[in-house]
N, C-alpha and C. Protein backbone atom coordinates (compact mmCIF):
# COMPACT_ATOMS: atom_id res chain seq x y z
N MET A 1 0.34 -44.06 -24.06
CA MET A 1 0.40 -43.87 -22.63
C MET A 1 1.82 -43.40 -22.26
N ILE A 2 1.88 -42.48 -21.30
CA ILE A 2 3.18 -41.97 -20.88
C ILE A 2 3.69 -42.76 -19.67
N SER A 3 5.01 -42.82 -19.59
CA SER A 3 5.61 -43.58 -18.48
C SER A 3 5.49 -42.78 -17.19
N ASP A 4 5.70 -43.48 -16.09
CA ASP A 4 5.65 -42.82 -14.78
C ASP A 4 6.69 -41.72 -14.68
N SER A 5 7.87 -41.96 -15.22
CA SER A 5 8.94 -40.96 -15.13
C SER A 5 8.58 -39.72 -15.96
N GLU A 6 7.96 -39.91 -17.12
CA GLU A 6 7.53 -38.76 -17.93
C GLU A 6 6.43 -37.98 -17.22
N PHE A 7 5.49 -38.71 -16.62
CA PHE A 7 4.42 -38.06 -15.87
C PHE A 7 4.99 -37.26 -14.70
N LYS A 8 5.93 -37.88 -13.96
CA LYS A 8 6.53 -37.20 -12.82
C LYS A 8 7.31 -35.97 -13.29
N ALA A 9 8.01 -36.06 -14.39
CA ALA A 9 8.77 -34.93 -14.92
C ALA A 9 7.83 -33.79 -15.30
N ALA A 10 6.72 -34.12 -15.95
CA ALA A 10 5.74 -33.10 -16.33
C ALA A 10 5.12 -32.48 -15.09
N GLN A 11 4.82 -33.29 -14.10
CA GLN A 11 4.24 -32.79 -12.86
C GLN A 11 5.23 -31.89 -12.12
N ASP A 12 6.50 -32.30 -12.08
CA ASP A 12 7.54 -31.48 -11.44
C ASP A 12 7.69 -30.13 -12.15
N HIS A 13 7.62 -30.17 -13.47
CA HIS A 13 7.72 -28.92 -14.25
C HIS A 13 6.54 -28.00 -13.94
N GLN A 14 5.35 -28.57 -13.91
CA GLN A 14 4.15 -27.78 -13.60
C GLN A 14 4.23 -27.21 -12.18
N ASN A 15 4.69 -28.00 -11.24
CA ASN A 15 4.84 -27.53 -9.87
C ASN A 15 5.88 -26.40 -9.79
N ALA A 16 6.97 -26.53 -10.53
CA ALA A 16 8.00 -25.49 -10.54
C ALA A 16 7.43 -24.18 -11.09
N GLU A 17 6.60 -24.27 -12.12
CA GLU A 17 5.96 -23.06 -12.67
C GLU A 17 5.02 -22.43 -11.64
N ARG A 18 4.27 -23.24 -10.94
CA ARG A 18 3.36 -22.73 -9.90
C ARG A 18 4.15 -22.04 -8.78
N VAL A 19 5.23 -22.68 -8.35
CA VAL A 19 6.05 -22.10 -7.29
C VAL A 19 6.62 -20.76 -7.74
N SER A 20 7.11 -20.71 -8.97
CA SER A 20 7.66 -19.46 -9.50
C SER A 20 6.60 -18.37 -9.53
N HIS A 21 5.40 -18.72 -9.97
CA HIS A 21 4.31 -17.75 -10.01
C HIS A 21 3.97 -17.26 -8.60
N LEU A 22 3.87 -18.18 -7.67
CA LEU A 22 3.53 -17.81 -6.29
C LEU A 22 4.63 -16.95 -5.66
N GLU A 23 5.88 -17.23 -5.98
CA GLU A 23 6.98 -16.39 -5.47
C GLU A 23 6.88 -14.97 -6.02
N ASN A 24 6.50 -14.84 -7.30
CA ASN A 24 6.32 -13.51 -7.89
C ASN A 24 5.16 -12.77 -7.23
N VAL A 25 4.06 -13.47 -6.99
CA VAL A 25 2.91 -12.86 -6.32
C VAL A 25 3.30 -12.43 -4.92
N ARG A 26 4.03 -13.27 -4.22
CA ARG A 26 4.49 -12.95 -2.86
C ARG A 26 5.37 -11.70 -2.87
N ALA A 27 6.28 -11.62 -3.83
CA ALA A 27 7.16 -10.45 -3.92
C ALA A 27 6.36 -9.18 -4.18
N ASP A 28 5.36 -9.27 -5.06
CA ASP A 28 4.50 -8.11 -5.33
C ASP A 28 3.73 -7.69 -4.09
N LEU A 29 3.20 -8.66 -3.36
CA LEU A 29 2.45 -8.34 -2.15
C LEU A 29 3.35 -7.73 -1.07
N LEU A 30 4.54 -8.26 -0.92
CA LEU A 30 5.48 -7.70 0.06
C LEU A 30 5.85 -6.27 -0.31
N ASP A 31 6.01 -6.01 -1.61
CA ASP A 31 6.31 -4.65 -2.06
C ASP A 31 5.16 -3.72 -1.71
N SER A 32 3.94 -4.17 -1.92
CA SER A 32 2.77 -3.36 -1.58
C SER A 32 2.70 -3.10 -0.08
N VAL A 33 2.97 -4.13 0.71
CA VAL A 33 2.95 -3.97 2.17
C VAL A 33 4.02 -2.96 2.60
N ASN A 34 5.20 -3.06 2.01
CA ASN A 34 6.27 -2.12 2.36
C ASN A 34 5.89 -0.68 2.02
N LYS A 35 5.23 -0.49 0.88
CA LYS A 35 4.79 0.86 0.49
C LYS A 35 3.74 1.39 1.46
N VAL A 36 2.79 0.55 1.84
CA VAL A 36 1.75 0.97 2.78
C VAL A 36 2.37 1.29 4.15
N GLU A 37 3.31 0.47 4.59
CA GLU A 37 3.97 0.74 5.87
C GLU A 37 4.73 2.06 5.83
N ALA A 38 5.36 2.37 4.70
CA ALA A 38 6.07 3.65 4.57
C ALA A 38 5.08 4.81 4.62
N GLN A 39 3.92 4.65 3.97
CA GLN A 39 2.89 5.70 4.01
C GLN A 39 2.37 5.88 5.43
N ILE A 40 2.16 4.79 6.14
CA ILE A 40 1.69 4.87 7.53
C ILE A 40 2.71 5.62 8.38
N GLU A 41 3.98 5.31 8.19
CA GLU A 41 5.02 5.99 8.97
C GLU A 41 5.03 7.49 8.67
N GLU A 42 4.87 7.86 7.39
CA GLU A 42 4.82 9.28 7.03
C GLU A 42 3.62 9.96 7.68
N LEU A 43 2.48 9.30 7.66
CA LEU A 43 1.28 9.88 8.25
C LEU A 43 1.41 10.00 9.76
N GLN A 44 1.98 9.00 10.40
CA GLN A 44 2.16 9.06 11.85
C GLN A 44 3.13 10.17 12.23
N THR A 45 4.14 10.38 11.40
CA THR A 45 5.10 11.45 11.65
C THR A 45 4.44 12.81 11.51
N ALA A 46 3.54 12.95 10.54
CA ALA A 46 2.88 14.23 10.29
C ALA A 46 1.70 14.47 11.22
N ARG A 47 1.23 13.44 11.89
CA ARG A 47 0.03 13.55 12.73
C ARG A 47 0.14 14.61 13.83
N PRO A 48 1.21 14.66 14.60
CA PRO A 48 1.29 15.69 15.65
C PRO A 48 1.20 17.11 15.08
N GLN A 49 1.83 17.34 13.94
CA GLN A 49 1.75 18.67 13.32
C GLN A 49 0.32 18.97 12.87
N ALA A 50 -0.36 17.97 12.34
CA ALA A 50 -1.73 18.18 11.90
C ALA A 50 -2.64 18.48 13.09
N LYS A 51 -2.44 17.76 14.18
CA LYS A 51 -3.24 18.01 15.39
C LYS A 51 -2.98 19.42 15.90
N GLN A 52 -1.72 19.83 15.88
CA GLN A 52 -1.36 21.17 16.35
C GLN A 52 -1.99 22.23 15.45
N ALA A 53 -2.01 21.99 14.15
CA ALA A 53 -2.61 22.94 13.21
C ALA A 53 -4.10 23.08 13.46
N ILE A 54 -4.75 21.99 13.83
CA ILE A 54 -6.19 22.04 14.10
C ILE A 54 -6.46 22.83 15.37
N LYS A 55 -5.59 22.66 16.37
CA LYS A 55 -5.78 23.34 17.66
C LYS A 55 -5.37 24.80 17.61
N ALA A 56 -4.49 25.16 16.68
CA ALA A 56 -3.95 26.53 16.64
C ALA A 56 -5.06 27.52 16.32
N PRO A 57 -5.07 28.66 17.02
CA PRO A 57 -6.07 29.68 16.71
C PRO A 57 -5.78 30.32 15.35
N ILE A 58 -6.81 30.76 14.71
CA ILE A 58 -6.67 31.41 13.41
C ILE A 58 -6.24 32.85 13.64
N ALA A 59 -5.16 33.25 12.96
CA ALA A 59 -4.60 34.59 13.16
C ALA A 59 -5.56 35.66 12.65
N ASP A 60 -6.19 35.43 11.52
CA ASP A 60 -7.09 36.42 10.92
C ASP A 60 -8.43 35.75 10.65
N PRO A 61 -9.39 35.83 11.57
CA PRO A 61 -10.69 35.16 11.39
C PRO A 61 -11.40 35.57 10.11
N ALA A 62 -11.26 36.82 9.68
CA ALA A 62 -11.93 37.28 8.45
C ALA A 62 -11.38 36.54 7.24
N ALA A 63 -10.07 36.34 7.18
CA ALA A 63 -9.47 35.62 6.06
C ALA A 63 -9.92 34.17 6.05
N ALA A 64 -10.02 33.57 7.21
CA ALA A 64 -10.47 32.19 7.30
C ALA A 64 -11.92 32.07 6.86
N LYS A 65 -12.73 33.06 7.21
CA LYS A 65 -14.14 33.05 6.84
C LYS A 65 -14.29 33.09 5.32
N GLU A 66 -13.45 33.89 4.66
CA GLU A 66 -13.51 34.00 3.20
C GLU A 66 -13.16 32.68 2.53
N THR A 67 -12.18 31.97 3.05
CA THR A 67 -11.76 30.72 2.43
C THR A 67 -12.74 29.59 2.71
N CYS A 68 -13.51 29.69 3.79
CA CYS A 68 -14.43 28.62 4.16
C CYS A 68 -15.86 28.85 3.69
N SER A 69 -16.19 30.07 3.27
CA SER A 69 -17.58 30.36 2.90
C SER A 69 -17.89 29.78 1.53
N PHE A 70 -19.15 29.44 1.35
CA PHE A 70 -19.61 28.90 0.09
C PHE A 70 -20.33 29.99 -0.69
N SER A 71 -20.10 30.03 -1.99
CA SER A 71 -20.81 31.01 -2.83
C SER A 71 -22.15 30.44 -3.21
N ALA A 72 -23.18 31.26 -3.09
CA ALA A 72 -24.52 30.78 -3.41
C ALA A 72 -24.92 31.18 -4.80
């Protein structure tokens, strides 16, 4: 049988390992969130240009037709 102090020491060690693991998981998740937020910012910055490109008239309708047509 193990003493109370040995049991507590083992439990403290196990808890420390769990905390370390959870801190690593948290850091990974925060990194992912930061990457997604950066992508969102890039997309929001590009959005007005994309909207303008959609609204802009096509300079050469024949050229646009060639790029959009499907070959049968």
